[in-house]
Amino acid sequence: MRYTRPCMRSAWKLWAAAVLSAGLLELPFPLAGPMPPWRSLLAFIALVPLLWAIVAPAPEIDRHPLRRVFLVAYLCGVLWYLGNCYWIYSTMLIYGGLPPALAFLVLLLFSLVLGLYFGLFGLGIALARRATGSIRLALAFAPFLWVALELAGARVTSVPWDQLGYSQVDNGLLTRIAPWEGVYGISFVLVVVNALFAGALRLPAKSSPASTSPGASKSSFAGRWAWAACGAFLFVVGAGGLLIEAPENPAHATAVLVQPNLDVGDANTWPGAEWNNHIAEFIRLGSQSCGPYLNGIPQTGAPGTDPACTAPLPHPDLVVWPEAPAPFFEPDMRFQHAMADVARAEQAPLIINGVGTDPPQADGEWHDHVSAMVFNADGSEAGRYDKIHLVPWGEYIPFPKLFFFAHKITGKVSSFTPGTARSVFLLRTQNGQSHRYGIFICYESVFADEIRQFALRGAEVFVNASDDGWYGDTSAPWQHLNMARMRAIENRRWILRDTNTGVTSVIDPEGRVQQSIPRHQIGALAARFGFRYANTFYTVHGDLFAWLCAALAFGVLVWAAGRRLRK
């Protein structure tokens, strides 16, 4: 099949539009440090080039227009994942022990798989356009399909990393949607604005050759500008959200969040006196109920505070040790005695992350878990939470019979067993009252529908323990922080976020970082936080809005595919 020169030029524009959208989509998310809030505005226009290319008229000699649209959108998705998740290469290279070529291959395969969601997005809109014969209806379908595919990313491939709505975590107007519809509602609004702008560019400014009346020409021209005006209005309204001041949330409880800053590449054996030295350091840091901190996110110019510690200070209501490379094994009596000593020394409950173990049962095997073990102030163990959503290729090997060679490649893939219960712990504070804490570990913070279940079970505050040292100085620690902030907004809960290397912080129910300490430093954050009891609509009903979008998108696609087959 031979293309004419004008057709080749047109095709080149479509591919360029896909590349442009991929580049614009990178900018509303952190790249190598915290993101300036103004960059979030680019999310309102980042998809415009891609949508413009998707609804472009197919050349008459193009025998496979749907395939062309799928590949154009697929290219955009692959490039976006390569840029947004470039940190996978560094993690595999430095900590996975892979050679550079193999580390890049892992990143490429990751992007090729997840980029399929973009390809399906383009294909779905193209099907809707061909079935209805209307660019307007196809673009109106875009936000429903986008949300449906984001839901599939969370439920099917289990990688809901940096969904579009996370770009607006600092937008005080759009984040008001999250307690109702979750991050999916914000994504929906953003795609609506992008579709309006794309429609203003792609809809004809004058009538078709079959309709030559002046009235039809004026009507079409007015319709085009109406779409542009609606998009501009929503853009301005969304931009105004960056100026909205969120209400204050009183803090009346205290916690000490220890940041040990341990090298994730070092052995976690702590032989001989090394164990005693680390435990002594832990006790010292856990006793720091006041100290310097930042009133905001590190590396953003947030003002620092150095409260005077001259007066006797009360013991904290909680002490937390993050997920970190430490030899904290639940059956180890040395560990049990040490944690009891720490809890009694601080006269406060203790949450310590390590390895929980279940004795052999029906299968005759011991089962290790990535766990958060909870100790009462008197040193007795209150229980533990076992991480439910493990990290594939880090904490377990998916389909181990198929990928039997994974251990041979790096030798660093663990074999943990996922937990089964989202436990909530009732702990007594220093004033004698008892409050419920929900604990989630590291990667679990990106799964909105799972985190809200802690609040549904009565958690009045969240504790998020993480080890972001695996990410190094890439975009990932900041992306991870923003996703945790969205969990606070969706459920209107305080989050005590304790990390090994940073960002250790206190997040209020509006998603704002109230306190933090710098990354890559040994220290402790004397946190001030509060308790919340009421449940949001999202806490109670979860991803209801996203499921409704998915149901509508599925119905439209079945109808469009059936109509195409009948033709």
Protein backbone atom coordinates (compact mmCIF):
# COMPACT_ATOMS: atom_id res chain seq x y z
CA MET A 1 0.00 0.00 0.00
CA ARG A 2 1.47 3.36 -1.12
CA TYR A 3 0.71 6.59 0.72
CA THR A 4 0.55 9.96 -0.98
CA ARG A 5 2.82 12.73 0.22
CA PRO A 6 0.04 14.73 2.00
CA CYS A 7 -1.01 11.58 3.83
CA MET A 8 2.56 10.98 5.00
CA ARG A 9 2.76 14.52 6.32
CA SER A 10 -0.51 14.07 8.19
CA ALA A 11 0.67 10.81 9.73
CA TRP A 12 3.88 12.48 10.93
CA LYS A 13 1.84 15.08 12.80
CA LEU A 14 -0.11 12.39 14.64
CA TRP A 15 3.02 10.66 15.89
CA ALA A 16 4.52 14.00 16.91
CA ALA A 17 1.35 14.84 18.83
CA ALA A 18 1.70 11.60 20.80
CA VAL A 19 5.30 12.43 21.71
CA LEU A 20 4.30 15.96 22.71
CA SER A 21 1.57 14.66 25.02
CA ALA A 22 4.00 12.24 26.64
CA GLY A 23 6.38 15.12 27.38
CA LEU A 24 3.63 17.37 28.74
CA LEU A 25 2.32 14.57 30.96
CA GLU A 26 5.71 14.24 32.65
CA LEU A 27 5.70 17.81 33.91
CA PRO A 28 2.71 17.79 36.36
CA PHE A 29 4.51 15.14 38.43
CA PRO A 30 7.78 15.29 40.43
CA LEU A 31 10.86 14.75 38.25
CA ALA A 32 13.79 14.63 40.67
CA GLY A 33 12.57 16.58 43.67
CA PRO A 34 9.38 18.18 45.02
CA MET A 35 7.21 19.68 42.28
CA PRO A 36 6.36 23.40 42.17
CA PRO A 37 2.55 23.61 42.40
CA TRP A 38 2.23 25.76 39.26
CA ARG A 39 3.36 22.83 37.12
CA SER A 40 0.18 20.98 38.05
CA LEU A 41 -1.69 23.28 35.66
CA LEU A 42 -0.09 21.48 32.72
CA ALA A 43 -2.29 18.47 33.49
CA PHE A 44 -5.22 20.49 32.14
CA ILE A 45 -3.71 20.52 28.62
CA ALA A 46 -1.26 17.60 28.56
CA LEU A 47 -3.66 15.19 26.84
CA VAL A 48 -4.83 17.70 24.23
CA PRO A 49 -2.28 16.71 21.52
CA LEU A 50 -3.04 13.01 22.02
CA LEU A 51 -6.81 13.52 21.86
CA TRP A 52 -6.36 15.72 18.79
CA ALA A 53 -4.47 12.87 17.12
CA ILE A 54 -6.96 10.19 18.22
CA VAL A 55 -10.00 11.91 16.66
CA ALA A 56 -8.14 12.95 13.51
CA PRO A 57 -9.98 11.93 10.30
CA ALA A 58 -8.54 8.74 8.83
CA PRO A 59 -7.11 9.05 5.31
CA GLU A 60 -9.22 7.28 2.71
CA ILE A 61 -6.36 4.96 1.78
CA ASP A 62 -5.69 4.00 5.42
CA ARG A 63 -6.97 0.43 5.59
CA HIS A 64 -6.27 0.05 9.33
CA PRO A 65 -7.30 3.33 11.01
CA LEU A 66 -8.02 1.68 14.37
CA ARG A 67 -4.61 0.08 14.45
CA ARG A 68 -3.01 3.43 13.64
CA VAL A 69 -4.87 5.14 16.50
CA PHE A 70 -3.96 2.35 18.92
CA LEU A 71 -0.25 2.58 18.06
CA VAL A 72 -0.18 6.37 18.28
CA ALA A 73 -1.72 6.31 21.77
CA TYR A 74 0.44 3.33 22.75
CA LEU A 75 3.58 5.28 21.85
CA CYS A 76 2.46 8.09 24.14
CA GLY A 77 1.90 5.67 27.00
CA VAL A 78 5.23 3.88 26.63
CA LEU A 79 7.13 7.16 26.54
CA TRP A 80 5.25 8.48 29.56
CA TYR A 81 6.00 5.43 31.69
CA LEU A 82 9.64 5.48 30.61
CA GLY A 83 9.91 9.07 31.86
CA ASN A 84 7.68 8.92 34.91
CA CYS A 85 9.12 5.66 36.26
CA TYR A 86 12.75 6.08 35.16
CA TRP A 87 13.73 5.36 38.77
CA ILE A 88 13.11 1.65 38.12
CA TYR A 89 16.35 1.61 36.13
CA SER A 90 18.35 3.08 39.01
CA THR A 91 16.79 0.73 41.55
CA MET A 92 17.47 -2.37 39.44
CA LEU A 93 21.01 -1.19 38.64
CA ILE A 94 22.18 -0.12 42.12
CA TYR A 95 20.20 -2.32 44.47
CA GLY A 96 19.01 -5.13 42.22
CA GLY A 97 22.55 -5.88 41.07
CA LEU A 98 21.54 -6.02 37.38
CA PRO A 99 23.87 -4.93 34.57
CA PRO A 100 22.84 -1.67 32.83
CA ALA A 101 21.39 -3.36 29.74
CA LEU A 102 19.24 -5.71 31.80
CA ALA A 103 18.14 -2.93 34.16
CA PHE A 104 16.96 -0.88 31.18
CA LEU A 105 15.21 -3.94 29.75
CA VAL A 106 13.20 -4.25 32.98
CA LEU A 107 12.14 -0.60 32.69
CA LEU A 108 11.30 -1.03 29.01
CA LEU A 109 9.19 -4.14 29.56
CA PHE A 110 7.39 -2.39 32.41
CA SER A 111 6.59 0.55 30.12
CA LEU A 112 5.57 -1.66 27.20
CA VAL A 113 3.05 -3.50 29.36
CA LEU A 114 1.51 -0.50 31.12
CA GLY A 115 1.59 1.59 27.96
CA LEU A 116 -1.16 -0.70 26.66
CA TYR A 117 -3.65 1.26 28.77
CA PHE A 118 -2.97 4.33 26.65
CA GLY A 119 -3.35 2.25 23.50
CA LEU A 120 -6.72 0.99 24.71
CA PHE A 121 -7.70 4.57 25.54
CA GLY A 122 -7.03 5.66 21.96
CA LEU A 123 -8.71 2.59 20.50
CA GLY A 124 -11.84 3.04 22.62
CA ILE A 125 -12.30 6.69 21.63
CA ALA A 126 -11.74 5.81 17.96
CA LEU A 127 -14.37 3.07 18.16
CA ALA A 128 -16.85 5.48 19.74
CA ARG A 129 -16.20 8.04 17.03
CA ARG A 130 -16.69 5.57 14.19
CA ALA A 131 -19.84 4.17 15.78
CA THR A 132 -21.46 7.56 16.43
CA GLY A 133 -19.92 9.52 13.57
CA SER A 134 -19.39 12.36 16.04
CA ILE A 135 -16.15 13.85 17.35
CA ARG A 136 -18.13 15.54 20.13
CA LEU A 137 -19.57 12.29 21.46
CA ALA A 138 -16.22 10.52 21.19
CA LEU A 139 -14.51 13.23 23.23
CA ALA A 140 -17.37 13.25 25.75
CA PHE A 141 -16.68 9.52 26.19
CA ALA A 142 -12.95 10.12 26.91
CA PRO A 143 -13.13 10.95 30.67
CA PHE A 144 -15.26 7.87 31.41
CA LEU A 145 -12.87 5.60 29.53
CA TRP A 146 -9.80 7.17 31.16
CA VAL A 147 -11.14 6.57 34.68
CA ALA A 148 -12.11 3.01 33.74
CA LEU A 149 -8.56 2.30 32.59
CA GLU A 150 -7.07 3.87 35.73
CA LEU A 151 -9.27 1.52 37.74
CA ALA A 152 -8.00 -1.40 35.65
CA GLY A 153 -4.44 -0.31 36.40
CA ALA A 154 -5.18 -0.58 40.12
CA ARG A 155 -7.17 -3.82 39.99
CA VAL A 156 -5.66 -5.81 37.09
CA THR A 157 -1.95 -4.98 36.88
CA SER A 158 -1.80 -3.53 40.45
CA VAL A 159 0.33 -0.55 39.44
CA PRO A 160 -1.81 2.58 40.00
CA TRP A 161 1.32 4.74 40.09
CA ASP A 162 0.86 8.46 39.46
CA GLN A 163 -2.71 8.44 38.24
CA LEU A 164 -3.54 11.75 36.60
CA GLY A 165 -5.45 13.12 39.60
CA TYR A 166 -2.36 13.00 41.83
CA SER A 167 -1.00 15.98 39.91
CA GLN A 168 -3.56 18.17 41.75
CA VAL A 169 -2.69 17.19 45.31
CA ASP A 170 -1.86 20.87 46.03
CA ASN A 171 -5.04 22.17 44.36
CA GLY A 172 -7.36 23.09 47.20
CA LEU A 173 -10.41 23.19 44.93
CA LEU A 174 -10.06 19.93 43.03
CA THR A 175 -8.99 17.95 46.09
CA ARG A 176 -12.46 18.62 47.54
CA ILE A 177 -13.66 16.01 45.06
CA ALA A 178 -11.46 13.29 46.59
CA PRO A 179 -13.50 12.65 49.79
CA TRP A 180 -16.40 11.84 47.47
CA GLU A 181 -14.95 10.19 44.40
CA GLY A 182 -11.34 9.53 45.31
CA VAL A 183 -8.46 10.48 43.06
CA TYR A 184 -10.50 9.16 40.13
CA GLY A 185 -12.88 12.09 40.34
CA ILE A 186 -9.99 14.52 39.93
CA SER A 187 -8.69 12.56 36.93
CA PHE A 188 -12.18 12.75 35.42
CA VAL A 189 -12.30 16.55 35.65
CA LEU A 190 -8.83 16.90 34.13
CA VAL A 191 -9.72 14.73 31.13
CA VAL A 192 -12.96 16.71 30.66
CA VAL A 193 -10.95 19.94 30.33
CA ASN A 194 -8.45 18.30 27.97
CA ALA A 195 -11.31 16.97 25.83
CA LEU A 196 -12.90 20.42 25.62
CA PHE A 197 -9.67 21.98 24.39
CA ALA A 198 -9.11 19.13 21.93
CA GLY A 199 -12.63 19.55 20.60
CA ALA A 200 -12.06 23.26 20.07
CA LEU A 201 -8.99 22.41 17.98
CA ARG A 202 -10.37 19.45 16.07
CA LEU A 203 -14.02 20.38 15.41
CA PRO A 204 -14.43 22.06 12.00
CA ALA A 205 -14.62 25.84 12.06
CA LYS A 206 -17.00 25.81 9.11
CA SER A 207 -19.63 23.47 7.81
CA SER A 208 -18.91 20.41 5.73
CA PRO A 209 -19.04 20.61 1.91
CA ALA A 210 -22.49 19.03 2.02
CA SER A 211 -23.82 21.94 4.05
CA THR A 212 -23.12 25.34 2.54
CA SER A 213 -25.71 27.53 4.22
CA PRO A 214 -24.32 30.54 6.12
CA GLY A 215 -26.38 29.56 9.16
CA ALA A 216 -24.72 26.14 9.37
CA SER A 217 -21.27 27.69 9.07
CA LYS A 218 -21.93 30.17 11.86
CA SER A 219 -23.39 27.45 14.07
CA SER A 220 -20.33 25.24 13.66
CA PHE A 221 -17.98 28.15 14.28
CA ALA A 222 -19.88 29.11 17.44
CA GLY A 223 -19.86 25.52 18.67
CA ARG A 224 -16.10 25.34 18.31
CA TRP A 225 -15.59 28.44 20.37
CA ALA A 226 -18.12 27.27 22.93
CA TRP A 227 -15.96 24.20 23.59
CA ALA A 228 -12.88 26.39 23.93
CA ALA A 229 -14.69 28.76 26.31
CA CYS A 230 -15.86 25.86 28.53
CA GLY A 231 -12.34 24.46 28.67
CA ALA A 232 -10.85 27.86 29.48
CA PHE A 233 -13.43 28.45 32.20
CA LEU A 234 -12.70 25.13 33.90
CA PHE A 235 -8.96 25.75 33.55
CA VAL A 236 -9.23 29.13 35.27
CA VAL A 237 -11.42 27.66 38.01
CA GLY A 238 -8.93 24.84 38.54
CA ALA A 239 -6.00 27.26 38.61
CA GLY A 240 -7.77 29.21 41.32
CA GLY A 241 -7.65 26.10 43.47
CA LEU A 242 -3.93 26.68 44.01
CA LEU A 243 -4.79 29.82 45.96
CA ILE A 244 -7.39 28.30 48.27
CA GLU A 245 -6.44 28.08 51.92
CA ALA A 246 -7.56 24.83 53.54
CA PRO A 247 -9.10 24.95 57.04
CA GLU A 248 -6.94 24.37 60.08
CA ASN A 249 -6.94 20.98 61.76
CA PRO A 250 -6.11 21.06 65.47
CA ALA A 251 -3.32 18.77 66.64
CA HIS A 252 -3.49 17.58 70.24
CA ALA A 253 -1.41 14.38 70.29
CA THR A 254 2.33 13.72 69.93
CA ALA A 255 4.47 11.08 68.29
CA VAL A 256 8.16 10.56 67.63
CA LEU A 257 8.95 9.35 64.11
CA VAL A 258 12.47 7.92 63.96
CA GLN A 259 14.43 8.32 60.71
CA PRO A 260 17.45 5.98 61.07
CA ASN A 261 18.85 6.67 57.56
CA LEU A 262 20.26 3.14 57.19
CA ASP A 263 21.92 2.17 53.91
CA VAL A 264 19.58 -0.25 52.15
CA GLY A 265 22.58 -1.88 50.50
CA ASP A 266 24.24 -2.85 53.79
CA ALA A 267 23.81 -6.19 55.56
CA ASN A 268 21.19 -6.07 58.31
CA THR A 269 22.84 -8.50 60.72
CA TRP A 270 24.15 -6.13 63.44
CA PRO A 271 26.60 -8.58 65.07
CA GLY A 272 27.96 -8.18 68.58
CA ALA A 273 28.15 -4.67 69.93
CA GLU A 274 26.59 -3.23 66.75
CA TRP A 275 23.18 -4.39 67.97
CA ASN A 276 23.57 -2.59 71.31
CA ASN A 277 24.76 0.58 69.58
CA HIS A 278 21.76 0.67 67.23
CA ILE A 279 19.27 0.02 70.03
CA ALA A 280 20.87 2.75 72.16
CA GLU A 281 20.57 5.13 69.20
CA PHE A 282 16.94 4.09 68.76
CA ILE A 283 16.19 4.87 72.42
CA ARG A 284 17.97 8.23 72.11
CA LEU A 285 16.02 9.24 69.01
CA GLY A 286 12.73 7.98 70.42
CA SER A 287 13.12 10.25 73.44
CA GLN A 288 13.35 13.42 71.33
CA SER A 289 9.90 14.82 71.96
CA CYS A 290 11.00 18.20 70.60
CA GLY A 291 13.52 19.32 68.03
CA PRO A 292 14.01 21.17 64.74
CA TYR A 293 11.68 20.50 61.83
CA LEU A 294 10.38 22.10 58.64
CA ASN A 295 6.90 23.60 58.31
CA GLY A 296 6.31 21.98 54.95
CA ILE A 297 8.01 19.72 52.40
CA PRO A 298 11.82 19.50 52.35
CA GLN A 299 13.68 21.19 49.50
CA THR A 300 10.85 23.67 48.84
CA GLY A 301 12.15 26.54 50.93
CA ALA A 302 9.71 25.73 53.74
CA PRO A 303 10.57 27.64 56.92
CA GLY A 304 12.29 25.74 59.69
CA THR A 305 11.32 25.67 63.34
CA ASP A 306 13.64 24.99 66.27
CA PRO A 307 11.51 24.87 69.42
CA ALA A 308 13.34 25.34 72.66
CA CYS A 309 13.58 22.20 74.77
CA THR A 310 14.24 23.88 78.08
CA ALA A 311 11.09 22.83 79.95
CA PRO A 312 10.37 19.20 80.90
CA LEU A 313 8.38 17.59 78.10
CA PRO A 314 5.73 14.88 78.40
CA HIS A 315 6.30 11.45 76.96
CA PRO A 316 4.91 11.03 73.43
CA ASP A 317 1.69 9.18 72.67
CA LEU A 318 3.51 6.97 70.14
CA VAL A 319 7.01 6.08 68.91
CA VAL A 320 7.50 4.70 65.38
CA TRP A 321 10.43 2.96 63.71
CA PRO A 322 10.05 2.78 59.89
CA GLU A 323 10.49 0.00 57.39
CA ALA A 324 14.29 -0.24 57.25
CA PRO A 325 17.11 -2.78 56.83
CA ALA A 326 17.29 -3.89 60.47
CA PRO A 327 17.42 -7.42 61.98
CA PHE A 328 14.07 -7.12 63.71
CA PHE A 329 12.64 -10.64 63.66
CA GLU A 330 9.61 -11.30 65.81
CA PRO A 331 10.69 -14.74 67.19
CA ASP A 332 14.10 -13.39 68.22
CA MET A 333 14.02 -13.01 72.02
CA ARG A 334 16.78 -10.42 71.80
CA PHE A 335 14.45 -8.33 69.68
CA GLN A 336 11.49 -8.88 72.00
CA HIS A 337 13.46 -7.81 75.09
CA ALA A 338 14.92 -4.77 73.32
CA MET A 339 11.51 -3.53 72.13
CA ALA A 340 10.02 -3.99 75.59
CA ASP A 341 12.90 -1.93 77.00
CA VAL A 342 12.34 0.82 74.41
CA ALA A 343 8.58 0.99 75.08
CA ARG A 344 9.09 1.15 78.85
CA ALA A 345 11.86 3.71 78.52
CA GLU A 346 9.64 6.01 76.44
CA GLN A 347 6.50 5.12 78.44
CA ALA A 348 4.68 5.07 75.11
CA PRO A 349 3.31 2.51 72.63
CA LEU A 350 5.77 1.47 69.96
CA ILE A 351 5.28 0.56 66.29
CA ILE A 352 8.32 -1.22 64.92
CA ASN A 353 8.67 -2.60 61.40
CA GLY A 354 10.42 -5.91 60.83
CA VAL A 355 9.72 -9.53 59.93
CA GLY A 356 6.77 -11.29 61.51
CA THR A 357 6.70 -15.08 61.46
CA ASP A 358 3.95 -17.68 61.60
CA PRO A 359 4.80 -21.22 62.74
CA PRO A 360 4.17 -24.19 60.43
CA GLN A 361 0.54 -25.04 59.85
CA ALA A 362 -1.13 -27.32 57.32
CA ASP A 363 1.62 -26.93 54.72
CA GLY A 364 4.40 -27.57 57.24
CA GLU A 365 6.21 -24.35 56.24
CA TRP A 366 7.22 -21.29 58.26
CA HIS A 367 5.75 -18.10 56.78
CA ASP A 368 7.56 -14.76 56.99
CA HIS A 369 5.72 -11.45 56.62
CA VAL A 370 6.69 -7.83 56.14
CA SER A 371 5.18 -6.67 59.40
CA ALA A 372 4.54 -3.75 61.71
CA MET A 373 4.73 -5.06 65.28
CA VAL A 374 2.93 -3.06 67.97
CA PHE A 375 4.01 -2.92 71.62
CA ASN A 376 2.11 -1.37 74.50
CA ALA A 377 3.72 1.14 76.82
CA ASP A 378 4.35 -1.62 79.39
CA GLY A 379 6.43 -3.59 76.86
CA SER A 380 3.85 -6.27 76.04
CA GLU A 381 3.19 -7.01 72.38
CA ALA A 382 -0.26 -5.79 71.30
CA GLY A 383 -0.17 -7.55 67.94
CA ARG A 384 1.11 -6.99 64.45
CA TYR A 385 -0.04 -5.96 61.00
CA ASP A 386 1.23 -8.05 58.09
CA LYS A 387 1.66 -6.21 54.81
CA ILE A 388 -1.05 -7.34 52.40
CA HIS A 389 0.09 -5.77 49.14
CA LEU A 390 3.67 -6.90 48.64
CA VAL A 391 6.03 -5.40 46.06
CA PRO A 392 6.41 -7.73 43.06
CA TRP A 393 10.01 -8.66 42.23
CA GLY A 394 11.15 -7.20 45.55
CA GLU A 395 9.20 -8.96 48.29
CA TYR A 396 7.90 -11.87 46.24
CA ILE A 397 8.09 -13.37 42.74
CA PRO A 398 4.77 -13.39 40.89
CA PHE A 399 4.08 -16.69 39.14
CA PRO A 400 7.19 -18.34 40.63
CA LYS A 401 6.98 -21.41 38.39
CA LEU A 402 7.02 -19.23 35.29
CA PHE A 403 9.77 -16.91 36.55
CA PHE A 404 11.89 -19.58 38.21
CA PHE A 405 15.05 -17.82 37.04
CA ALA A 406 14.39 -14.55 38.94
CA HIS A 407 16.46 -15.52 41.99
CA LYS A 408 19.37 -16.40 39.72
CA ILE A 409 19.31 -12.96 38.07
CA THR A 410 19.67 -10.82 41.20
CA GLY A 411 19.65 -13.16 44.19
CA LYS A 412 17.85 -10.38 46.11
CA VAL A 413 14.18 -11.20 45.61
CA SER A 414 12.56 -12.16 48.91
CA SER A 415 9.79 -14.70 49.42
CA PHE A 416 7.40 -13.10 51.88
CA THR A 417 3.81 -14.19 52.46
CA PRO A 418 1.10 -11.51 52.16
CA GLY A 419 -1.06 -10.73 55.16
CA THR A 420 -4.78 -11.31 55.22
CA ALA A 421 -6.27 -8.84 57.74
CA ARG A 422 -6.29 -5.04 57.91
CA SER A 423 -5.81 -4.84 61.64
CA VAL A 424 -6.58 -1.68 63.61
CA PHE A 425 -4.88 -1.21 66.99
CA LEU A 426 -6.39 0.40 70.06
CA LEU A 427 -3.60 2.19 71.93
CA ARG A 428 -3.70 4.33 75.07
CA THR A 429 -2.37 7.90 74.90
CA GLN A 430 -0.64 9.80 77.69
CA ASN A 431 -3.87 11.49 78.79
CA GLY A 432 -5.42 8.10 79.47
CA GLN A 433 -7.66 7.98 76.40
CA SER A 434 -7.52 5.19 73.83
CA HIS A 435 -7.46 5.71 70.06
CA ARG A 436 -7.40 3.44 67.03
CA TYR A 437 -4.42 3.40 64.65
CA GLY A 438 -4.38 1.99 61.12
CA ILE A 439 -0.96 0.97 59.81
CA PHE A 440 0.03 0.46 56.19
CA ILE A 441 3.49 -0.22 54.83
CA CYS A 442 5.37 1.39 51.92
CA TYR A 443 3.87 0.50 48.51
CA GLU A 444 0.43 -0.08 50.01
CA SER A 445 -0.10 3.68 50.15
CA VAL A 446 -0.82 3.81 46.40
CA PHE A 447 -3.94 1.61 46.71
CA ALA A 448 -6.73 4.00 47.66
CA ASP A 449 -9.51 1.45 48.01
CA GLU A 450 -7.42 -0.64 50.39
CA ILE A 451 -6.26 2.20 52.66
CA ARG A 452 -9.79 3.54 53.16
CA GLN A 453 -10.72 0.21 54.75
CA PHE A 454 -8.56 1.04 57.78
CA ALA A 455 -10.72 4.10 58.42
CA LEU A 456 -13.83 2.02 57.78
CA ARG A 457 -12.65 -0.31 60.55
CA GLY A 458 -12.37 2.57 62.98
CA ALA A 459 -8.82 3.94 62.51
CA GLU A 460 -8.72 7.54 63.73
CA VAL A 461 -5.20 8.19 62.40
CA PHE A 462 -2.99 6.46 59.82
CA VAL A 463 0.64 5.40 60.28
CA ASN A 464 2.54 4.88 57.03
CA ALA A 465 5.94 3.21 57.46
CA SER A 466 8.15 3.14 54.38
CA ASP A 467 11.71 2.66 53.15
CA ASP A 468 12.15 5.01 50.20
CA GLY A 469 15.90 4.52 50.31
CA TRP A 470 15.52 2.06 47.43
CA TYR A 471 14.56 4.95 45.16
CA GLY A 472 17.67 7.04 45.73
CA ASP A 473 17.56 10.70 44.70
CA THR A 474 15.01 10.22 41.94
CA SER A 475 11.43 11.32 41.47
CA ALA A 476 9.99 8.30 43.28
CA PRO A 477 10.21 9.49 46.94
CA TRP A 478 8.32 12.66 46.04
CA GLN A 479 5.77 10.84 43.89
CA HIS A 480 5.26 8.38 46.74
CA LEU A 481 4.75 11.23 49.21
CA ASN A 482 2.08 12.85 47.03
CA MET A 483 0.15 9.60 46.73
CA ALA A 484 0.19 9.20 50.52
CA ARG A 485 -1.06 12.78 50.82
CA MET A 486 -4.05 11.89 48.65
CA ARG A 487 -4.95 9.07 51.06
CA ALA A 488 -5.19 11.68 53.84
CA ILE A 489 -7.50 13.81 51.70
CA GLU A 490 -9.77 10.95 50.62
CA ASN A 491 -10.35 9.77 54.18
CA ARG A 492 -9.83 13.07 56.04
CA ARG A 493 -7.30 11.48 58.37
CA TRP A 494 -3.94 12.57 59.75
CA ILE A 495 -1.02 10.48 58.48
CA LEU A 496 2.19 9.91 60.41
CA ARG A 497 4.60 9.01 57.63
CA ASP A 498 7.82 7.51 58.97
CA THR A 499 10.54 6.61 56.48
CA ASN A 500 14.07 5.25 56.63
CA THR A 501 15.73 8.01 54.57
CA GLY A 502 12.89 10.53 54.06
CA VAL A 503 10.45 12.06 53.46
CA THR A 504 9.47 11.62 57.14
CA SER A 505 6.49 13.91 57.67
CA VAL A 506 3.15 14.68 59.28
CA ILE A 507 0.27 15.05 56.80
CA ASP A 508 -2.96 16.70 57.91
CA PRO A 509 -6.48 15.71 56.72
CA GLU A 510 -6.28 18.29 53.91
CA GLY A 511 -3.17 16.62 52.50
CA ARG A 512 -0.78 19.35 53.60
CA VAL A 513 2.64 18.46 55.00
CA GLN A 514 2.63 20.21 58.36
CA GLN A 515 6.01 18.97 59.61
CA SER A 516 8.98 17.17 58.08
CA ILE A 517 12.71 16.68 58.49
CA PRO A 518 15.36 16.70 55.76
CA ARG A 519 16.15 13.55 53.82
CA HIS A 520 19.31 11.48 54.26
CA GLN A 521 19.81 12.52 57.87
CA ILE A 522 19.70 10.52 61.09
CA GLY A 523 17.03 12.17 63.17
CA ALA A 524 13.59 12.10 64.72
CA LEU A 525 10.51 14.17 64.02
CA ALA A 526 8.56 15.31 67.06
CA ALA A 527 5.15 15.10 65.41
CA ARG A 528 1.94 16.87 66.38
CA PHE A 529 -1.25 15.31 65.06
CA GLY A 530 -4.93 14.78 65.79
CA PHE A 531 -7.63 12.11 65.62
CA ARG A 532 -10.62 12.07 63.27
CA TYR A 533 -13.70 9.90 63.62
CA ALA A 534 -16.15 10.78 60.83
CA ASN A 535 -15.99 8.77 57.61
CA THR A 536 -16.12 10.38 54.18
CA PHE A 537 -18.34 9.16 51.34
CA TYR A 538 -15.24 7.67 49.73
CA THR A 539 -14.26 5.88 52.93
CA VAL A 540 -17.68 4.20 53.08
CA HIS A 541 -18.28 3.51 49.38
CA GLY A 542 -14.76 3.27 47.91
CA ASP A 543 -14.32 3.32 44.14
CA LEU A 544 -18.05 3.56 43.38
CA PHE A 545 -17.57 6.48 40.97
CA ALA A 546 -14.76 4.68 39.14
CA TRP A 547 -16.86 1.51 38.82
CA LEU A 548 -19.76 3.52 37.39
CA CYS A 549 -17.40 5.01 34.81
CA ALA A 550 -16.09 1.54 34.02
CA ALA A 551 -19.61 0.16 33.58
CA LEU A 552 -20.57 3.00 31.23
CA ALA A 553 -17.32 2.68 29.28
CA PHE A 554 -17.77 -1.06 28.90
CA GLY A 555 -21.35 -0.62 27.69
CA VAL A 556 -20.36 1.99 25.12
CA LEU A 557 -17.48 -0.14 23.82
CA VAL A 558 -19.68 -3.24 23.47
CA TRP A 559 -22.27 -1.19 21.60
CA ALA A 560 -19.66 0.45 19.38
CA ALA A 561 -17.93 -2.84 18.58
CA GLY A 562 -21.25 -4.51 17.80
CA ARG A 563 -22.28 -1.69 15.50
CA ARG A 564 -18.96 -1.87 13.68
CA LEU A 565 -19.34 -5.62 13.18
CA ARG A 566 -22.88 -5.19 11.84
CA LYS A 567 -21.60 -2.68 9.30
